[in-house]
Amino acid sequence: MYNIIVRQSRSTRPGIGREWTAVRLTRQRYERQIRVIFNGTESWSVDWDNPDTPYELDSHGLIAAPGETLEAFAARIDELLRTRARFDLCTDDSAGAESLEAEVGFKVGAVEPIDPGIVAEAAEKTDKLFGFRADWVPAFFPTRGLGLLWGGCTVITDSGFPVFFLRRGFRSKPKWFIYRRDELLSHELCHAVRGCLEDEPYEEQFAYMTSDSAFRRWTGNCFRREWDAIAFLIPVVLLLVVQITVYTGILNLPLWPFWIAAFAFPAFLVLRNIPVRRTFFTARTKLEKAGFANPDAALFRMTSDEIRTVARIPDDRTGQYLEEKSRTELRWQILIHRFQPPQTEPTHENSIPE
């Protein structure tokens, strides 16, 4: 059971008010319990009373949601880890496959849990870029359920829990077709971790930052919704069909309207993405000036409205904005504690808000 024991106390320091305190564990016991949570070998449960727990959870990709209190955060993690424990029963036998199919809602055939070492490849990228290793997300090699050219996908269960599926060709080699295993997994890990933010405009921006391709990093966020890709493909396919019918003499149609249609929507996607990227990089610069060691990791945990606010406020008010957010919201308290080094004289207090 997730059991974070806290007690409310009055701070003697002026201006801080109530803060959360807890009995500290020794570092050895603390590290042992962290391993118990995330290595999947003993139990998917948490039972400690260390006040650093929210920060440690954040480093594993279990981030606080917007407006979430400490109690609500603990309750959600409790439920998440109970759900995670069920996936340890999904082994490569028929009973395990049936259990997994019941969770995800479609046929997966025979399944094989993905080796933790493969997931660790992706964790290296996400840890470097965004400061988390989400080693709690279950991942499987299915024999069914993936499209002809799909390298893999993330399925969100009815309870909101993410599950990864990778094509079996990735078992023995790091690349299949146009996909790289580590890039595909790190991309999906970003979606899994940011899911609690329920925020769309920058979702693909962060996910494609894990790519080694500059082209994909720039264009990835152009496709934010499923219909963006469909609307992109329809005029392109239509142009191809019309060209074939014209060149074979079946129809006699002018091609220029179809060329315009084929280029119009891609141009719209690119133009829509330009101000989004400009705002992102402006916000990154503001956080760098405020002393953040990893501004991308801090932005990763913000909503699009918050990113826009950081980008737009004057430099001399950035510190005030950060202070106000950290006083009232657990998520901001955590991201400032982790990514704004103490030597920059942060304006926040190191306490967990209610």
Protein backbone atom coordinates (compact mmCIF):
# COMPACT_ATOMS: atom_id res chain seq x y z
CA MET A 1 0.00 0.00 0.00
CA TYR A 2 1.18 3.53 -0.68
CA ASN A 3 1.52 5.05 2.74
CA ILE A 4 3.20 8.43 3.06
CA ILE A 5 2.94 9.40 6.70
CA VAL A 6 2.77 13.14 7.16
CA ARG A 7 1.91 15.44 9.97
CA GLN A 8 1.03 19.09 9.83
CA SER A 9 3.19 21.52 11.77
CA ARG A 10 3.42 25.23 12.19
CA SER A 11 6.66 26.67 10.91
CA THR A 12 8.49 29.09 13.14
CA ARG A 13 9.87 30.88 10.08
CA PRO A 14 7.81 33.90 9.05
CA GLY A 15 5.94 33.82 5.77
CA ILE A 16 5.90 30.08 5.29
CA GLY A 17 2.77 29.02 7.18
CA ARG A 18 1.92 25.31 7.40
CA GLU A 19 4.37 22.84 5.94
CA TRP A 20 4.55 19.09 5.59
CA THR A 21 7.13 17.31 7.71
CA ALA A 22 7.85 13.63 8.12
CA VAL A 23 10.17 11.24 9.88
CA ARG A 24 13.29 10.85 7.73
CA LEU A 25 14.61 7.40 6.88
CA THR A 26 18.27 6.56 6.71
CA ARG A 27 19.69 6.87 3.19
CA GLN A 28 20.37 3.11 3.02
CA ARG A 29 16.80 2.17 3.88
CA TYR A 30 15.43 4.86 1.58
CA GLU A 31 17.43 3.63 -1.41
CA ARG A 32 16.42 0.03 -0.67
CA GLN A 33 12.74 0.95 -0.70
CA ILE A 34 13.09 2.92 -3.93
CA ARG A 35 14.53 -0.22 -5.56
CA VAL A 36 11.62 -2.28 -4.23
CA ILE A 37 9.15 0.05 -5.93
CA PHE A 38 10.66 0.19 -9.37
CA ASN A 39 12.59 -3.01 -10.08
CA GLY A 40 9.40 -5.11 -10.12
CA THR A 41 11.01 -7.98 -8.21
CA GLU A 42 9.30 -7.70 -4.86
CA SER A 43 6.16 -5.59 -4.87
CA TRP A 44 4.63 -2.67 -6.72
CA SER A 45 3.92 -0.85 -3.50
CA VAL A 46 5.34 2.06 -1.57
CA ASP A 47 5.61 2.26 2.18
CA TRP A 48 7.88 5.02 3.44
CA ASP A 49 7.61 8.33 5.19
CA ASN A 50 10.49 10.23 3.62
CA PRO A 51 9.62 13.85 2.72
CA ASP A 52 11.72 13.50 -0.45
CA THR A 53 9.28 10.92 -1.82
CA PRO A 54 7.51 13.31 -4.28
CA TYR A 55 10.87 14.30 -5.75
CA GLU A 56 11.95 10.68 -6.14
CA LEU A 57 8.65 9.75 -7.76
CA ASP A 58 9.08 12.64 -10.17
CA SER A 59 12.49 11.29 -11.18
CA HIS A 60 10.75 8.05 -12.13
CA GLY A 61 8.25 9.82 -14.34
CA LEU A 62 5.44 9.86 -11.78
CA ILE A 63 4.76 13.59 -11.92
CA ALA A 64 2.09 15.54 -10.09
CA ALA A 65 -0.92 16.66 -12.11
CA PRO A 66 -2.04 20.30 -12.38
CA GLY A 67 -3.68 21.44 -9.15
CA GLU A 68 -2.98 18.10 -7.43
CA THR A 69 -2.41 18.16 -3.68
CA LEU A 70 -0.01 15.87 -1.83
CA GLU A 71 -2.88 13.68 -0.63
CA ALA A 72 -4.40 13.41 -4.10
CA PHE A 73 -0.99 12.67 -5.60
CA ALA A 74 -0.39 9.88 -3.09
CA ALA A 75 -3.84 8.39 -3.76
CA ARG A 76 -3.27 8.41 -7.53
CA ILE A 77 0.14 6.77 -7.21
CA ASP A 78 -1.39 4.19 -4.89
CA GLU A 79 -3.95 3.29 -7.55
CA LEU A 80 -1.37 3.39 -10.34
CA LEU A 81 0.94 0.93 -8.58
CA ARG A 82 -1.97 -1.41 -7.79
CA THR A 83 -2.77 -1.40 -11.50
CA ARG A 84 0.89 -1.96 -12.35
CA ALA A 85 1.02 -5.05 -10.15
CA ARG A 86 -1.66 -6.72 -12.29
CA PHE A 87 0.59 -6.57 -15.34
CA ASP A 88 3.25 -8.68 -13.61
CA LEU A 89 0.79 -11.58 -14.02
CA CYS A 90 0.74 -11.13 -17.81
CA THR A 91 3.39 -13.70 -18.68
CA ASP A 92 4.01 -15.45 -21.98
CA ASP A 93 1.49 -18.26 -21.37
CA SER A 94 -2.12 -18.27 -22.58
CA ALA A 95 -3.51 -17.17 -19.22
CA GLY A 96 -1.15 -14.20 -19.18
CA ALA A 97 -2.17 -13.22 -22.70
CA GLU A 98 -5.84 -13.37 -21.74
CA SER A 99 -5.19 -11.18 -18.71
CA LEU A 100 -3.41 -8.63 -20.87
CA GLU A 101 -6.17 -8.65 -23.50
CA ALA A 102 -8.71 -8.01 -20.75
CA GLU A 103 -6.71 -4.96 -19.65
CA VAL A 104 -6.10 -3.38 -23.08
CA GLY A 105 -9.32 -4.42 -24.82
CA PHE A 106 -7.98 -6.08 -27.99
CA LYS A 107 -6.30 -9.32 -29.12
CA VAL A 108 -2.53 -9.42 -28.65
CA GLY A 109 -1.92 -13.13 -29.23
CA ALA A 110 1.07 -14.59 -27.42
CA VAL A 111 2.95 -11.98 -25.41
CA GLU A 112 6.47 -11.71 -24.08
CA PRO A 113 7.45 -9.09 -21.50
CA ILE A 114 10.14 -6.77 -22.85
CA ASP A 115 13.49 -7.11 -21.12
CA PRO A 116 14.12 -4.22 -18.69
CA GLY A 117 17.45 -3.62 -20.39
CA ILE A 118 15.64 -2.61 -23.58
CA VAL A 119 13.48 -0.11 -21.70
CA ALA A 120 16.63 1.17 -20.00
CA GLU A 121 17.95 2.21 -23.43
CA ALA A 122 15.10 4.68 -23.75
CA ALA A 123 15.41 5.74 -20.11
CA GLU A 124 18.91 7.01 -20.84
CA LYS A 125 17.47 9.51 -23.32
CA THR A 126 14.57 10.68 -21.19
CA ASP A 127 16.79 11.02 -18.14
CA LYS A 128 19.26 13.21 -20.01
CA LEU A 129 16.59 15.36 -21.68
CA PHE A 130 13.83 15.56 -19.09
CA GLY A 131 15.14 14.16 -15.82
CA PHE A 132 13.09 10.96 -15.50
CA ARG A 133 13.38 7.19 -15.94
CA ALA A 134 9.87 5.76 -16.28
CA ASP A 135 10.73 2.13 -15.54
CA TRP A 136 7.26 1.38 -14.17
CA VAL A 137 5.46 1.27 -17.55
CA PRO A 138 4.76 -2.37 -18.58
CA ALA A 139 6.00 -3.29 -22.05
CA PHE A 140 5.37 -6.39 -24.20
CA PHE A 141 6.18 -8.00 -27.53
CA PRO A 142 2.82 -9.16 -28.96
CA THR A 143 2.20 -11.46 -31.93
CA ARG A 144 -0.98 -9.66 -32.93
CA GLY A 145 -2.51 -6.19 -32.74
CA LEU A 146 0.13 -4.08 -34.50
CA GLY A 147 -0.44 -2.70 -37.99
CA LEU A 148 1.59 -3.84 -40.99
CA LEU A 149 4.13 -1.00 -40.77
CA TRP A 150 3.78 -0.14 -37.08
CA GLY A 151 6.94 -0.35 -34.99
CA GLY A 152 4.99 -0.11 -31.76
CA CYS A 153 2.37 1.85 -29.88
CA THR A 154 1.12 2.92 -26.47
CA VAL A 155 -2.32 1.77 -25.36
CA ILE A 156 -4.15 3.64 -22.60
CA THR A 157 -6.42 1.33 -20.59
CA ASP A 158 -9.87 2.30 -19.36
CA SER A 159 -8.31 3.24 -16.02
CA GLY A 160 -5.87 5.61 -17.78
CA PHE A 161 -2.83 3.33 -17.39
CA PRO A 162 -0.28 3.23 -20.28
CA VAL A 163 1.00 -0.03 -21.77
CA PHE A 164 3.71 -0.32 -24.45
CA PHE A 165 3.72 -2.79 -27.33
CA LEU A 166 6.75 -3.24 -29.58
CA ARG A 167 7.08 -5.31 -32.73
CA ARG A 168 8.88 -8.60 -32.07
CA GLY A 169 11.55 -7.71 -34.59
CA PHE A 170 12.98 -5.41 -31.91
CA ARG A 171 13.80 -8.33 -29.61
CA SER A 172 17.18 -8.99 -31.19
CA LYS A 173 18.01 -5.81 -33.07
CA PRO A 174 17.78 -2.08 -32.26
CA LYS A 175 16.31 -1.07 -35.63
CA TRP A 176 13.36 -2.28 -37.71
CA PHE A 177 12.21 -0.69 -40.98
CA ILE A 178 12.45 3.10 -40.39
CA TYR A 179 12.22 2.80 -36.58
CA ARG A 180 14.88 2.77 -33.90
CA ARG A 181 13.97 0.89 -30.74
CA ASP A 182 15.35 3.40 -28.25
CA GLU A 183 13.81 6.37 -30.08
CA LEU A 184 10.40 4.71 -30.34
CA LEU A 185 10.33 3.78 -26.67
CA SER A 186 11.61 7.13 -25.40
CA HIS A 187 9.00 8.89 -27.57
CA GLU A 188 6.21 6.82 -26.04
CA LEU A 189 7.60 7.21 -22.52
CA CYS A 190 7.19 10.97 -22.89
CA HIS A 191 3.52 10.52 -23.77
CA ALA A 192 2.99 8.14 -20.85
CA VAL A 193 4.54 10.51 -18.31
CA ARG A 194 2.86 13.70 -19.56
CA GLY A 195 -0.53 11.99 -19.76
CA CYS A 196 -1.60 13.34 -16.37
CA LEU A 197 -1.20 16.91 -17.66
CA GLU A 198 -3.91 16.32 -20.29
CA ASP A 199 -2.28 18.96 -22.47
CA GLU A 200 -1.98 18.83 -26.24
CA PRO A 201 -0.12 21.75 -27.92
CA TYR A 202 3.40 20.71 -26.80
CA GLU A 203 2.85 16.96 -26.48
CA GLU A 204 4.62 16.01 -29.72
CA GLN A 205 7.21 18.76 -29.25
CA PHE A 206 8.60 16.96 -26.21
CA ALA A 207 8.17 13.45 -27.60
CA TYR A 208 10.07 14.25 -30.81
CA MET A 209 12.88 15.95 -28.90
CA THR A 210 14.08 12.38 -28.22
CA SER A 211 14.72 11.85 -31.96
CA ASP A 212 18.20 11.87 -33.46
CA SER A 213 16.77 13.46 -36.63
CA ALA A 214 16.70 17.26 -36.75
CA PHE A 215 13.93 17.05 -39.34
CA ARG A 216 11.68 14.97 -37.07
CA ARG A 217 12.45 17.22 -34.10
CA TRP A 218 11.31 20.24 -36.12
CA THR A 219 8.27 18.76 -37.87
CA GLY A 220 7.05 16.32 -35.22
CA ASN A 221 4.83 18.80 -33.40
CA CYS A 222 3.09 19.70 -36.66
CA PHE A 223 1.00 16.56 -36.18
CA ARG A 224 -0.74 17.08 -32.85
CA ARG A 225 -3.97 15.21 -33.50
CA GLU A 226 -4.85 12.03 -35.32
CA TRP A 227 -6.79 14.02 -37.92
CA ASP A 228 -3.73 16.13 -38.75
CA ALA A 229 -2.00 13.09 -40.27
CA ILE A 230 -5.17 11.95 -42.03
CA ALA A 231 -5.82 15.40 -43.50
CA PHE A 232 -2.20 15.50 -44.63
CA LEU A 233 -2.41 12.15 -46.44
CA ILE A 234 -5.81 12.49 -48.16
CA PRO A 235 -4.84 15.24 -50.68
CA VAL A 236 -1.47 13.57 -51.30
CA VAL A 237 -3.09 10.22 -52.10
CA LEU A 238 -5.76 11.97 -54.17
CA LEU A 239 -3.07 13.73 -56.20
CA LEU A 240 -1.37 10.41 -56.88
CA VAL A 241 -4.64 8.78 -57.99
CA VAL A 242 -5.53 11.68 -60.29
CA GLN A 243 -2.06 11.65 -61.84
CA ILE A 244 -2.38 7.95 -62.60
CA THR A 245 -5.81 8.39 -64.20
CA VAL A 246 -4.59 11.34 -66.29
CA TYR A 247 -1.41 9.65 -67.50
CA THR A 248 -3.27 6.44 -68.38
CA GLY A 249 -5.94 8.38 -70.30
CA ILE A 250 -8.85 7.37 -68.06
CA LEU A 251 -9.63 10.99 -67.16
CA ASN A 252 -8.62 14.36 -68.55
CA LEU A 253 -8.37 16.69 -65.55
CA PRO A 254 -6.14 19.67 -64.76
CA LEU A 255 -3.59 18.72 -62.10
CA TRP A 256 -2.89 22.13 -60.60
CA PRO A 257 -5.89 22.20 -58.19
CA PHE A 258 -4.73 18.87 -56.72
CA TRP A 259 -1.16 20.12 -56.37
CA ILE A 260 -2.44 23.16 -54.47
CA ALA A 261 -4.53 20.95 -52.20
CA ALA A 262 -1.56 18.63 -51.58
CA PHE A 263 0.63 21.55 -50.43
CA ALA A 264 -1.98 23.70 -48.67
CA PHE A 265 -2.48 21.62 -45.53
CA PRO A 266 1.21 20.86 -44.97
CA ALA A 267 1.85 24.60 -45.24
CA PHE A 268 -0.86 25.23 -42.64
CA LEU A 269 0.71 22.66 -40.26
CA VAL A 270 4.13 24.27 -40.57
CA LEU A 271 2.80 27.81 -40.10
CA ARG A 272 0.78 26.70 -37.06
CA ASN A 273 3.86 25.17 -35.49
CA ILE A 274 6.17 28.19 -35.92
CA PRO A 275 4.70 30.36 -33.11
CA VAL A 276 4.46 27.31 -30.84
CA ARG A 277 8.17 26.61 -31.26
CA ARG A 278 9.03 30.29 -30.84
CA THR A 279 7.12 30.41 -27.56
CA PHE A 280 8.82 27.22 -26.35
CA PHE A 281 12.34 28.51 -26.99
CA THR A 282 11.52 31.90 -25.47
CA ALA A 283 10.31 30.18 -22.30
CA ARG A 284 13.45 28.04 -22.27
CA THR A 285 15.62 31.18 -22.40
CA LYS A 286 13.65 32.75 -19.53
CA LEU A 287 14.24 29.68 -17.34
CA GLU A 288 17.93 29.60 -18.21
CA LYS A 289 18.21 33.21 -17.06
CA ALA A 290 16.36 32.25 -13.86
CA GLY A 291 19.06 29.68 -13.13
CA PHE A 292 17.43 26.42 -14.16
CA ALA A 293 20.01 23.70 -14.76
CA ASN A 294 17.69 21.80 -17.13
CA PRO A 295 14.99 24.16 -18.46
CA ASP A 296 13.64 21.51 -20.86
CA ALA A 297 12.91 19.20 -17.94
CA ALA A 298 11.02 21.99 -16.15
CA LEU A 299 9.04 22.88 -19.29
CA PHE A 300 8.21 19.18 -19.76
CA ARG A 301 6.22 19.33 -16.51
CA MET A 302 4.32 22.52 -17.42
CA THR A 303 1.05 22.95 -19.27
CA SER A 304 0.91 24.93 -22.52
CA ASP A 305 -0.73 27.87 -20.72
CA GLU A 306 2.13 27.94 -18.20
CA ILE A 307 4.76 27.76 -20.95
CA ARG A 308 3.11 30.70 -22.71
CA THR A 309 2.99 32.65 -19.46
CA VAL A 310 6.69 32.06 -18.75
CA ALA A 311 7.53 33.17 -22.30
CA ARG A 312 5.48 36.38 -22.10
CA ILE A 313 6.16 37.78 -18.64
CA PRO A 314 8.98 40.35 -18.31
CA ASP A 315 12.33 39.05 -17.12
CA ASP A 316 12.11 41.02 -13.89
CA ARG A 317 8.82 39.26 -12.99
CA THR A 318 9.91 35.69 -13.73
CA GLY A 319 11.11 35.10 -10.19
CA GLN A 320 7.84 36.41 -8.73
CA TYR A 321 5.81 34.11 -11.00
CA LEU A 322 7.90 31.07 -10.01
CA GLU A 323 7.52 31.92 -6.34
CA GLU A 324 3.75 32.27 -6.59
CA LYS A 325 3.38 28.95 -8.40
CA SER A 326 5.64 27.06 -5.98
CA ARG A 327 3.71 28.36 -2.98
CA THR A 328 0.39 27.06 -4.25
CA GLU A 329 1.09 23.93 -6.29
CA LEU A 330 2.88 20.68 -5.54
CA ARG A 331 3.95 20.13 -9.17
CA TRP A 332 5.76 23.47 -9.29
CA GLN A 333 7.34 22.91 -5.88
CA ILE A 334 8.82 19.67 -7.21
CA LEU A 335 10.09 21.00 -10.55
CA ILE A 336 11.73 24.04 -8.95
CA HIS A 337 13.29 21.91 -6.21
CA ARG A 338 14.75 19.50 -8.77
CA PHE A 339 15.83 21.78 -11.60
CA GLN A 340 16.65 25.16 -10.12
CA PRO A 341 19.93 24.75 -8.19
CA PRO A 342 20.07 26.29 -4.69
CA GLN A 343 23.07 28.46 -5.58
CA THR A 344 20.81 30.55 -7.81
CA GLU A 345 19.02 31.79 -4.70
CA PRO A 346 15.54 30.52 -5.65
CA THR A 347 12.63 32.41 -4.19
CA HIS A 348 10.68 29.32 -3.14
CA GLU A 349 10.75 27.51 0.20
CA ASN A 350 11.67 23.84 0.33
CA SER A 351 8.36 22.56 1.63
CA ILE A 352 5.52 20.63 0.09
CA PRO A 353 2.33 22.71 -0.30
CA GLU A 354 -0.98 21.27 0.80
